[in-house]
């Protein structure tokens, strides 16, 4: 996947646990954990907004684009 999540890095910088963020954002720890590990295919803007507000960061702090290897074709489902 070409989009990498950096939620773990931002949480570490803020010295905040995933449980605390889940409580502040009112999202389950499981859903945040899936986001943190990159196991999600999408994120709602309202969720991204709430996370950015709670962590005092920009969306670009949480998401990073990494180009796929040359010649690799990604299929869409």
N, C-alpha and C. Protein backbone atom coordinates (compact mmCIF):
# COMPACT_ATOMS: atom_id res chain seq x y z
N UNK A 1 0.85 -1.18 0.00
CA UNK A 1 0.00 0.00 0.00
C UNK A 1 0.89 1.24 0.00
N UNK A 2 0.47 2.28 -0.67
CA UNK A 2 1.28 3.47 -0.83
C UNK A 2 1.07 4.50 0.28
N UNK A 3 0.02 4.37 1.06
CA UNK A 3 -0.23 5.30 2.16
C UNK A 3 0.15 4.60 3.47
N UNK A 4 1.05 5.22 4.21
CA UNK A 4 1.53 4.68 5.49
C UNK A 4 0.98 5.55 6.61
N UNK A 5 0.48 4.91 7.66
CA UNK A 5 0.00 5.68 8.81
C UNK A 5 1.13 5.86 9.82
N UNK A 6 1.21 7.04 10.37
CA UNK A 6 2.24 7.38 11.36
C UNK A 6 1.63 7.73 12.71
N UNK A 7 0.47 7.15 12.98
CA UNK A 7 -0.21 7.42 14.25
C UNK A 7 0.66 7.02 15.43
N UNK A 8 1.36 5.90 15.32
CA UNK A 8 2.20 5.45 16.43
C UNK A 8 3.29 6.48 16.74
N UNK A 9 3.87 7.07 15.73
CA UNK A 9 4.93 8.07 15.91
C UNK A 9 4.39 9.33 16.59
N UNK A 10 3.21 9.79 16.13
CA UNK A 10 2.62 10.99 16.72
C UNK A 10 2.21 10.74 18.16
N UNK A 11 1.65 9.56 18.43
CA UNK A 11 1.30 9.22 19.82
C UNK A 11 2.54 9.22 20.71
N UNK A 12 3.63 8.66 20.22
CA UNK A 12 4.86 8.62 21.01
C UNK A 12 5.39 10.03 21.26
N UNK A 13 5.34 10.87 20.24
CA UNK A 13 5.79 12.26 20.40
C UNK A 13 4.96 13.00 21.44
N UNK A 14 3.67 12.68 21.50
CA UNK A 14 2.76 13.36 22.45
C UNK A 14 2.72 12.65 23.80
N UNK A 15 3.44 11.52 23.90
CA UNK A 15 3.43 10.70 25.13
C UNK A 15 2.00 10.34 25.53
N UNK A 16 1.24 9.89 24.53
CA UNK A 16 -0.16 9.54 24.75
C UNK A 16 -0.37 8.08 24.37
N UNK A 17 -1.13 7.38 25.19
CA UNK A 17 -1.46 5.98 24.92
C UNK A 17 -2.66 5.90 23.97
N UNK A 18 -2.76 4.81 23.26
CA UNK A 18 -3.87 4.60 22.34
C UNK A 18 -5.20 4.64 23.08
N UNK A 19 -5.24 4.10 24.30
CA UNK A 19 -6.47 4.12 25.10
C UNK A 19 -6.93 5.54 25.39
N UNK A 20 -5.98 6.42 25.70
CA UNK A 20 -6.33 7.81 26.00
C UNK A 20 -6.88 8.50 24.75
N UNK A 21 -6.24 8.26 23.61
CA UNK A 21 -6.73 8.86 22.36
C UNK A 21 -8.13 8.35 22.04
N UNK A 22 -8.35 7.05 22.20
CA UNK A 22 -9.66 6.47 21.93
C UNK A 22 -10.74 7.13 22.79
N UNK A 23 -10.40 7.38 24.03
CA UNK A 23 -11.35 8.03 24.94
C UNK A 23 -11.63 9.46 24.51
N UNK A 24 -10.59 10.19 24.14
CA UNK A 24 -10.75 11.60 23.73
C UNK A 24 -11.54 11.73 22.43
N UNK A 25 -11.32 10.79 21.51
CA UNK A 25 -11.93 10.87 20.19
C UNK A 25 -13.25 10.12 20.12
N UNK A 26 -13.54 9.33 21.14
CA UNK A 26 -14.77 8.54 21.20
C UNK A 26 -14.83 7.51 20.06
N UNK A 27 -13.70 6.81 19.87
CA UNK A 27 -13.57 5.75 18.89
C UNK A 27 -13.03 4.53 19.63
N UNK A 28 -13.44 3.35 19.20
CA UNK A 28 -12.98 2.15 19.90
C UNK A 28 -11.47 1.98 19.74
N UNK A 29 -10.86 1.38 20.73
CA UNK A 29 -9.43 1.10 20.70
C UNK A 29 -9.10 0.17 19.52
N UNK A 30 -10.00 -0.75 19.23
CA UNK A 30 -9.79 -1.69 18.12
C UNK A 30 -9.70 -0.93 16.80
N UNK A 31 -10.62 0.02 16.58
CA UNK A 31 -10.58 0.79 15.33
C UNK A 31 -9.32 1.64 15.24
N UNK A 32 -8.92 2.27 16.33
CA UNK A 32 -7.68 3.05 16.32
C UNK A 32 -6.46 2.16 16.12
N UNK A 33 -6.48 0.99 16.72
CA UNK A 33 -5.38 0.05 16.55
C UNK A 33 -5.26 -0.37 15.09
N UNK A 34 -6.40 -0.63 14.44
CA UNK A 34 -6.39 -0.97 13.03
C UNK A 34 -5.84 0.16 12.18
N UNK A 35 -6.19 1.38 12.53
CA UNK A 35 -5.64 2.54 11.83
C UNK A 35 -4.14 2.65 12.05
N UNK A 36 -3.73 2.45 13.28
CA UNK A 36 -2.31 2.55 13.63
C UNK A 36 -1.47 1.53 12.88
N UNK A 37 -1.99 0.34 12.68
CA UNK A 37 -1.24 -0.73 12.03
C UNK A 37 -1.45 -0.76 10.51
N UNK A 38 -2.26 0.15 9.99
CA UNK A 38 -2.48 0.23 8.55
C UNK A 38 -3.42 -0.81 8.01
N UNK A 39 -4.27 -1.36 8.85
CA UNK A 39 -5.20 -2.41 8.42
C UNK A 39 -6.54 -1.85 7.93
N UNK A 40 -6.62 -0.54 7.73
CA UNK A 40 -7.85 0.06 7.24
C UNK A 40 -7.68 0.48 5.78
N UNK A 41 -8.77 0.51 5.06
CA UNK A 41 -8.74 0.93 3.66
C UNK A 41 -9.21 2.37 3.50
N UNK A 42 -9.87 2.91 4.53
CA UNK A 42 -10.43 4.25 4.45
C UNK A 42 -10.53 4.85 5.86
N UNK A 43 -10.62 6.18 5.90
CA UNK A 43 -10.87 6.88 7.16
C UNK A 43 -11.80 8.04 6.85
N UNK A 44 -12.78 8.22 7.68
CA UNK A 44 -13.71 9.34 7.51
C UNK A 44 -13.00 10.63 7.87
N UNK A 45 -13.37 11.69 7.15
CA UNK A 45 -12.79 13.00 7.46
C UNK A 45 -13.15 13.43 8.88
N UNK A 46 -14.33 13.08 9.35
CA UNK A 46 -14.72 13.45 10.71
C UNK A 46 -13.82 12.75 11.74
N UNK A 47 -13.44 11.51 11.45
CA UNK A 47 -12.53 10.78 12.34
C UNK A 47 -11.14 11.40 12.29
N UNK A 48 -10.66 11.69 11.10
CA UNK A 48 -9.35 12.31 10.94
C UNK A 48 -9.33 13.67 11.63
N UNK A 49 -10.40 14.43 11.49
CA UNK A 49 -10.51 15.73 12.15
C UNK A 49 -10.42 15.59 13.67
N UNK A 50 -11.15 14.62 14.23
CA UNK A 50 -11.15 14.41 15.67
C UNK A 50 -9.77 13.99 16.18
N UNK A 51 -9.08 13.14 15.43
CA UNK A 51 -7.74 12.69 15.83
C UNK A 51 -6.77 13.87 15.78
N UNK A 52 -6.84 14.65 14.70
CA UNK A 52 -5.95 15.81 14.58
C UNK A 52 -6.20 16.82 15.69
N UNK A 53 -7.46 17.01 16.05
CA UNK A 53 -7.79 17.94 17.14
C UNK A 53 -7.22 17.43 18.46
N UNK A 54 -7.39 16.14 18.73
CA UNK A 54 -6.93 15.56 19.99
C UNK A 54 -5.41 15.55 20.10
N UNK A 55 -4.74 15.37 18.98
CA UNK A 55 -3.27 15.29 18.98
C UNK A 55 -2.59 16.60 18.60
N UNK A 56 -3.41 17.62 18.28
CA UNK A 56 -2.88 18.92 17.86
C UNK A 56 -1.87 18.74 16.73
N UNK A 57 -2.32 18.09 15.65
CA UNK A 57 -1.45 17.82 14.51
C UNK A 57 -2.19 18.04 13.21
N UNK A 58 -1.50 17.90 12.12
CA UNK A 58 -2.05 18.01 10.78
C UNK A 58 -2.24 16.61 10.19
N UNK A 59 -3.16 16.44 9.23
CA UNK A 59 -3.32 15.12 8.60
C UNK A 59 -2.01 14.58 8.02
N UNK A 60 -1.17 15.47 7.51
CA UNK A 60 0.11 15.04 6.96
C UNK A 60 1.06 14.48 8.01
N UNK A 61 0.82 14.78 9.28
CA UNK A 61 1.62 14.19 10.35
C UNK A 61 1.24 12.73 10.57
N UNK A 62 0.02 12.38 10.20
CA UNK A 62 -0.50 11.04 10.44
C UNK A 62 -0.40 10.12 9.23
N UNK A 63 -0.37 10.70 8.04
CA UNK A 63 -0.38 9.91 6.80
C UNK A 63 0.82 10.28 5.94
N UNK A 64 1.42 9.28 5.34
CA UNK A 64 2.58 9.50 4.48
C UNK A 64 2.40 8.70 3.19
N UNK A 65 2.70 9.32 2.08
CA UNK A 65 2.64 8.65 0.78
C UNK A 65 4.01 8.09 0.46
N UNK A 66 4.05 6.79 0.16
CA UNK A 66 5.29 6.12 -0.25
C UNK A 66 4.99 5.44 -1.59
N UNK A 67 5.66 5.86 -2.66
CA UNK A 67 5.38 5.25 -3.97
C UNK A 67 5.61 3.74 -3.96
N UNK A 68 4.75 3.02 -4.69
CA UNK A 68 4.93 1.58 -4.84
C UNK A 68 6.19 1.33 -5.68
N UNK A 69 6.69 0.12 -5.59
CA UNK A 69 7.87 -0.23 -6.39
C UNK A 69 7.54 -0.12 -7.87
N UNK A 70 8.53 0.24 -8.68
CA UNK A 70 8.33 0.40 -10.13
C UNK A 70 7.79 -0.88 -10.74
N UNK A 71 6.79 -0.71 -11.60
CA UNK A 71 6.24 -1.86 -12.30
C UNK A 71 5.16 -2.60 -11.53
N UNK A 72 4.99 -2.31 -10.27
CA UNK A 72 3.98 -3.00 -9.47
C UNK A 72 2.62 -2.41 -9.78
N UNK A 73 1.67 -3.27 -10.09
CA UNK A 73 0.32 -2.83 -10.40
C UNK A 73 -0.56 -3.20 -9.22
N UNK A 74 -1.27 -2.19 -8.69
CA UNK A 74 -2.14 -2.42 -7.54
C UNK A 74 -3.55 -2.61 -8.05
N UNK A 75 -4.19 -3.70 -7.66
CA UNK A 75 -5.56 -3.95 -8.11
C UNK A 75 -6.54 -3.26 -7.18
N UNK A 76 -7.65 -2.81 -7.74
CA UNK A 76 -8.70 -2.17 -6.95
C UNK A 76 -9.86 -3.14 -6.81
N UNK A 77 -10.38 -3.22 -5.60
CA UNK A 77 -11.51 -4.13 -5.37
C UNK A 77 -12.78 -3.35 -5.24
